[in-house]
C-alpha atoms as a PDB file:
ATOM      1  CA  MET A   1     252.786-103.350-115.284  1.00  0.00           C
ATOM      2  CA  VAL A   2     249.937-104.051-112.853  1.00  0.00           C
ATOM      3  CA  MET A   3     249.047-101.566-110.085  1.00  0.00           C
ATOM      4  CA  PHE A   4     248.121-103.384-106.867  1.00  0.00           C
ATOM      5  CA  TYR A   5     247.863-100.372-104.553  1.00  0.00           C
ATOM      6  CA  ASP A   6     248.151 -96.622-105.021  1.00  0.00           C
ATOM      7  CA  ASP A   7     247.771 -93.712-102.618  1.00  0.00           C
ATOM      8  CA  ARG A   8     249.629 -90.444-102.228  1.00  0.00           C
ATOM      9  CA  SER A   9     252.656 -91.969-100.483  1.00  0.00           C
ATOM     10  CA  VAL A  10     252.680 -95.705-101.364  1.00  0.00           C
ATOM     11  CA  GLN A  11     252.445 -97.443-104.736  1.00  0.00           C
ATOM     12  CA  VAL A  12     252.745-101.206-105.163  1.00  0.00           C
ATOM     13  CA  THR A  13     253.116-102.455-108.732  1.00  0.00           C
ATOM     14  CA  SER A  14     254.101-105.751-110.331  1.00  0.00           C
ATOM     15  CA  THR A  15     257.684-104.469-110.675  1.00  0.00           C
ATOM     16  CA  ALA A  16     258.408-102.304-107.627  1.00  0.00           C
ATOM     17  CA  VAL A  17     257.247-100.683-104.417  1.00  0.00           C
ATOM     18  CA  ARG A  18     257.486 -96.906-104.158  1.00  0.00           C
ATOM     19  CA  VAL A  19     257.242 -95.273-100.731  1.00  0.00           C
ATOM     20  CA  ASP A  20     257.571 -91.490-100.392  1.00  0.00           C
ATOM     21  CA  GLY A  21     259.507 -91.295-103.653  1.00  0.00           C
ATOM     22  CA  GLN A  22     261.946 -94.121-102.860  1.00  0.00           C
ATOM     23  CA  ARG A  23     261.733 -97.114-105.214  1.00  0.00           C
ATOM     24  CA  PHE A  24     262.334-100.738-104.195  1.00  0.00           C
ATOM     25  CA  PRO A  25     262.365-103.202-107.141  1.00  0.00           C
ATOM     26  CA  LEU A  26     260.604-106.459-106.251  1.00  0.00           C
ATOM     27  CA  THR A  27     263.572-108.453-107.586  1.00  0.00           C
ATOM     28  CA  GLU A  28     265.715-106.930-104.806  1.00  0.00           C
ATOM     29  CA  ILE A  29     263.245-107.745-101.995  1.00  0.00           C
ATOM     30  CA  SER A  30     263.914-111.115-100.352  1.00  0.00           C
ATOM     31  CA  GLU A  31     261.473-111.004 -97.407  1.00  0.00           C
ATOM     32  CA  VAL A  32     258.347-109.148 -96.243  1.00  0.00           C
ATOM     33  CA  TRP A  33     257.036-109.070 -92.674  1.00  0.00           C
ATOM     34  CA  HIS A  34     254.992-106.903 -90.343  1.00  0.00           C
ATOM     35  CA  GLN A  35     255.145-105.860 -86.696  1.00  0.00           C
ATOM     36  CA  ARG A  36     252.467-104.592 -84.327  1.00  0.00           C
ATOM     37  CA  GLY A  37     253.149-101.962 -81.704  1.00  0.00           C
ATOM     38  CA  SER A  38     251.514-101.586 -78.319  1.00  0.00           C
ATOM     39  CA  ARG A  39     247.901-100.469 -77.952  1.00  0.00           C
ATOM     40  CA  SER A  40     247.063 -96.786 -77.887  1.00  0.00           C
ATOM     41  CA  TRP A  41     245.246 -96.042 -74.639  1.00  0.00           C
ATOM     42  CA  ARG A  42     243.965 -92.791 -76.138  1.00  0.00           C
ATOM     43  CA  VAL A  43     242.076 -94.725 -78.831  1.00  0.00           C
ATOM     44  CA  LEU A  44     240.685 -97.186 -76.275  1.00  0.00           C
ATOM     45  CA  ALA A  45     239.573 -94.331 -74.001  1.00  0.00           C
ATOM     46  CA  GLY A  46     237.856 -92.701 -76.987  1.00  0.00           C
ATOM     47  CA  ARG A  47     235.959 -95.919 -77.688  1.00  0.00           C
ATOM     48  CA  GLY A  48     234.899 -96.057 -74.039  1.00  0.00           C
ATOM     49  CA  ALA A  49     233.677 -92.462 -74.200  1.00  0.00           C
ATOM     50  CA  LEU A  50     231.625 -93.264 -77.312  1.00  0.00           C
ATOM     51  CA  GLY A  51     230.072 -96.253 -75.523  1.00  0.00           C
ATOM     52  CA  ALA A  52     229.240 -94.095 -72.496  1.00  0.00           C
ATOM     53  CA  ALA A  53     227.730 -91.425 -74.757  1.00  0.00           C
ATOM     54  CA  MET A  54     225.471 -94.050 -76.336  1.00  0.00           C
ATOM     55  CA  ALA A  55     224.437 -95.614 -73.028  1.00  0.00           C
ATOM     56  CA  GLY A  56     224.050 -92.368 -71.060  1.00  0.00           C
ATOM     57  CA  PRO A  57     220.582 -91.305 -72.264  1.00  0.00           C
ATOM     58  CA  LEU A  58     219.232 -94.846 -71.893  1.00  0.00           C
ATOM     59  CA  VAL A  59     220.544 -95.089 -68.327  1.00  0.00           C
ATOM     60  CA  ALA A  60     219.066 -91.652 -67.579  1.00  0.00           C
ATOM     61  CA  ALA A  61     215.682 -92.808 -68.905  1.00  0.00           C
ATOM     62  CA  VAL A  62     215.693 -95.951 -66.771  1.00  0.00           C
ATOM     63  CA  LEU A  63     216.753 -93.966 -63.694  1.00  0.00           C
ATOM     64  CA  GLY A  64     213.986 -91.431 -64.366  1.00  0.00           C
ATOM     65  CA  ILE A  65     211.365 -94.177 -64.521  1.00  0.00           C
ATOM     66  CA  ALA A  66     212.726 -95.756 -61.328  1.00  0.00           C
ATOM     67  CA  LEU A  67     212.702 -92.333 -59.629  1.00  0.00           C
ATOM     68  CA  ALA A  68     209.103 -91.711 -60.688  1.00  0.00           C
ATOM     69  CA  ILE A  69     207.999 -95.013 -59.201  1.00  0.00           C
ATOM     70  CA  TRP A  70     210.079 -94.568 -56.028  1.00  0.00           C
ATOM     71  CA  LEU A  71     208.742 -91.049 -55.280  1.00  0.00           C
ATOM     72  CA  HIS A  72     205.110 -92.248 -54.971  1.00  0.00           C
ATOM     73  CA  ARG A  73     203.707 -88.953 -56.267  1.00  0.00           C
ATOM     74  CA  SER A  74     200.390 -88.394 -57.963  1.00  0.00           C
ATOM     75  CA  TRP A  75     199.657 -90.126 -61.257  1.00  0.00           C
ATOM     76  CA  THR A  76     200.105 -86.851 -63.126  1.00  0.00           C
ATOM     77  CA  VAL A  77     203.632 -86.281 -61.762  1.00  0.00           C
ATOM     78  CA  THR A  78     204.586 -89.941 -62.245  1.00  0.00           C
ATOM     79  CA  ILE A  79     203.356 -89.944 -65.850  1.00  0.00           C
ATOM     80  CA  ALA A  80     205.181 -86.646 -66.533  1.00  0.00           C
ATOM     81  CA  ILE A  81     208.465 -88.030 -65.151  1.00  0.00           C
ATOM     82  CA  VAL A  82     208.085 -91.328 -67.036  1.00  0.00           C
ATOM     83  CA  GLY A  83     207.185 -89.431 -70.238  1.00  0.00           C
ATOM     84  CA  ALA A  84     210.229 -87.167 -69.916  1.00  0.00           C
ATOM     85  CA  SER A  85     212.428 -90.200 -69.233  1.00  0.00           C
ATOM     86  CA  VAL A  86     211.111 -92.008 -72.292  1.00  0.00           C
ATOM     87  CA  LEU A  87     211.768 -88.899 -74.430  1.00  0.00           C
ATOM     88  CA  VAL A  88     215.341 -88.767 -73.126  1.00  0.00           C
ATOM     89  CA  GLY A  89     215.726 -92.451 -73.992  1.00  0.00           C
ATOM     90  CA  LEU A  90     214.324 -91.892 -77.488  1.00  0.00           C
ATOM     91  CA  ALA A  91     216.724 -89.005 -78.043  1.00  0.00           C
ATOM     92  CA  VAL A  92     219.565 -91.490 -78.236  1.00  0.00           C
ATOM     93  CA  GLY A  93     218.180 -92.890 -81.523  1.00  0.00           C
ATOM     94  CA  PRO A  94     219.333 -90.222 -83.978  1.00  0.00           C
ATOM     95  CA  VAL A  95     222.576 -89.666 -82.074  1.00  0.00           C
ATOM     96  CA  ALA A  96     223.341 -93.397 -81.837  1.00  0.00           C
ATOM     97  CA  ASP A  97     223.702 -93.728 -85.612  1.00  0.00           C
ATOM     98  CA  VAL A  98     226.441 -91.091 -85.670  1.00  0.00           C
ATOM     99  CA  LEU A  99     228.140 -92.577 -82.608  1.00  0.00           C
ATOM    100  CA  PHE A 100     228.024 -96.131 -83.999  1.00  0.00           C
ATOM    101  CA  GLU A 101     229.577 -94.888 -87.241  1.00  0.00           C
ATOM    102  CA  ARG A 102     232.420 -93.229 -85.317  1.00  0.00           C
ATOM    103  CA  LEU A 103     232.917 -96.393 -83.252  1.00  0.00           C
ATOM    104  CA  ASP A 104     232.995 -98.518 -86.409  1.00  0.00           C
ATOM    105  CA  ARG A 105     235.601 -96.213 -88.001  1.00  0.00           C
ATOM    106  CA  SER A 106     237.637 -96.434 -84.802  1.00  0.00           C
ATOM    107  CA  TYR A 107     237.838-100.219 -85.141  1.00  0.00           C
ATOM    108  CA  ALA A 108     238.663 -99.961 -88.861  1.00  0.00           C
ATOM    109  CA  ARG A 109     241.576 -97.642 -88.065  1.00  0.00           C
ATOM    110  CA  GLY A 110     242.801 -99.863 -85.243  1.00  0.00           C
ATOM    111  CA  SER A 111     244.416 -99.078 -81.910  1.00  0.00           C
ATOM    112  CA  ARG A 112     248.031-100.018 -82.646  1.00  0.00           C
ATOM    113  CA  GLN A 113     250.902 -98.727 -84.727  1.00  0.00           C
ATOM    114  CA  LEU A 114     251.484-101.228 -87.537  1.00  0.00           C
ATOM    115  CA  GLU A 115     254.696-101.519 -89.550  1.00  0.00           C
ATOM    116  CA  ILE A 116     255.578-103.240 -92.830  1.00  0.00           C
ATOM    117  CA  TRP A 117     259.202-104.268 -93.201  1.00  0.00           C
ATOM    118  CA  ILE A 118     261.152-105.711 -96.132  1.00  0.00           C
ATOM    119  CA  ARG A 119     264.610-107.176 -96.550  1.00  0.00           C
ATOM    120  CA  TRP A 120     266.007-105.094 -99.416  1.00  0.00           C
ATOM    121  CA  GLN A 121     269.522-105.818-100.694  1.00  0.00           C
ATOM    122  CA  GLY A 122     270.128-107.772 -97.493  1.00  0.00           C
ATOM    123  CA  ARG A 123     269.128-104.928 -95.138  1.00  0.00           C
ATOM    124  CA  PRO A 124     265.885-104.567 -93.183  1.00  0.00           C
ATOM    125  CA  VAL A 125     263.926-101.490 -94.287  1.00  0.00           C
ATOM    126  CA  ARG A 126     260.709-100.200 -92.743  1.00  0.00           C
ATOM    127  CA  LEU A 127     258.353 -99.344 -95.585  1.00  0.00           C
ATOM    128  CA  VAL A 128     255.261 -98.141 -93.762  1.00  0.00           C
ATOM    129  CA  ARG A 129     254.288 -97.202 -90.217  1.00  0.00           C
ATOM    130  CA  THR A 130     250.618 -96.384 -89.662  1.00  0.00           C
ATOM    131  CA  ALA A 131     247.861 -96.652 -87.100  1.00  0.00           C
ATOM    132  CA  ASP A 132     245.267 -97.092 -89.869  1.00  0.00           C
ATOM    133  CA  ALA A 133     244.591-100.843 -89.819  1.00  0.00           C
ATOM    134  CA  LEU A 134     242.526-100.759 -93.018  1.00  0.00           C
ATOM    135  CA  ARG A 135     245.258 -98.999 -95.014  1.00  0.00           C
ATOM    136  CA  PHE A 136     247.911-101.280 -93.502  1.00  0.00           C
ATOM    137  CA  GLY A 137     245.987-104.383 -94.581  1.00  0.00           C
ATOM    138  CA  GLN A 138     245.485-103.080 -98.103  1.00  0.00           C
ATOM    139  CA  ILE A 139     249.172-102.262 -98.542  1.00  0.00           C
ATOM    140  CA  TYR A 140     250.374-105.526 -97.003  1.00  0.00           C
ATOM    141  CA  ARG A 141     248.038-107.639 -99.135  1.00  0.00           C
ATOM    142  CA  ALA A 142     249.029-105.708-102.287  1.00  0.00           C
ATOM    143  CA  LEU A 143     252.688-106.316-101.489  1.00  0.00           C
ATOM    144  CA  GLN A 144     251.984-110.041-100.976  1.00  0.00           C
ATOM    145  CA  ARG A 145     250.157-110.265-104.322  1.00  0.00           C
ATOM    146  CA  ALA A 146     252.953-108.418-106.108  1.00  0.00           C
ATOM    147  CA  MET A 147     255.604-110.710-104.594  1.00  0.00           C
ATOM    148  CA  GLU A 148     253.589-113.841-105.472  1.00  0.00           C
ATOM    149  CA  ARG A 149     253.148-112.641-109.028  1.00  0.00           C
ATOM    150  CA  GLY A 150     256.875-112.023-109.402  1.00  0.00           C
ATOM    151  CA  GLN A 151     257.875-115.554-108.355  1.00  0.00           C
ATOM    152  CA  PRO A 152     258.760-117.970-111.161  1.00  0.00           C
ATOM    153  CA  ALA A 153     256.276-120.770-111.819  1.00  0.00           C
ATOM    154  CA  ARG A 154     257.074-124.004-109.942  1.00  0.00           C
ATOM    155  CA  PRO A 155     257.469-127.165-112.010  1.00  0.00           C
ATOM    156  CA  ARG A 156     254.785-129.805-111.485  1.00  0.00           C
END
């Protein structure tokens, strides 16, 4: 028996699929398909907030420089304002790495509910429903590989 995928709730092997303790032998599965739900506006708003958090200090730095030039103060005041603005802009560096990582994970998880369905003993059965796009892809591909492996060889 070959294990194609294994986590705490889903196991895909060369003989069966097990989801939350329920076993579906591959020989009894006639079809596999997936469905995508609608987008989650909460996830999209979170991505927008991350983008704003990354751009905020840079915009503040540019506005500070523009303000320093527009005020026409002494060179000392102008240099102090520009220096403070540049420091604010540089502050985004260490924070940007963390924010980019969170944004990247957000795209890996996806913004939709994804479902894997099978036709088992003639009835449609939903195997998995998740918003985690990476996990969904791993399970779906494992199920495809297991089904392909279980098909008899075609004559040439």
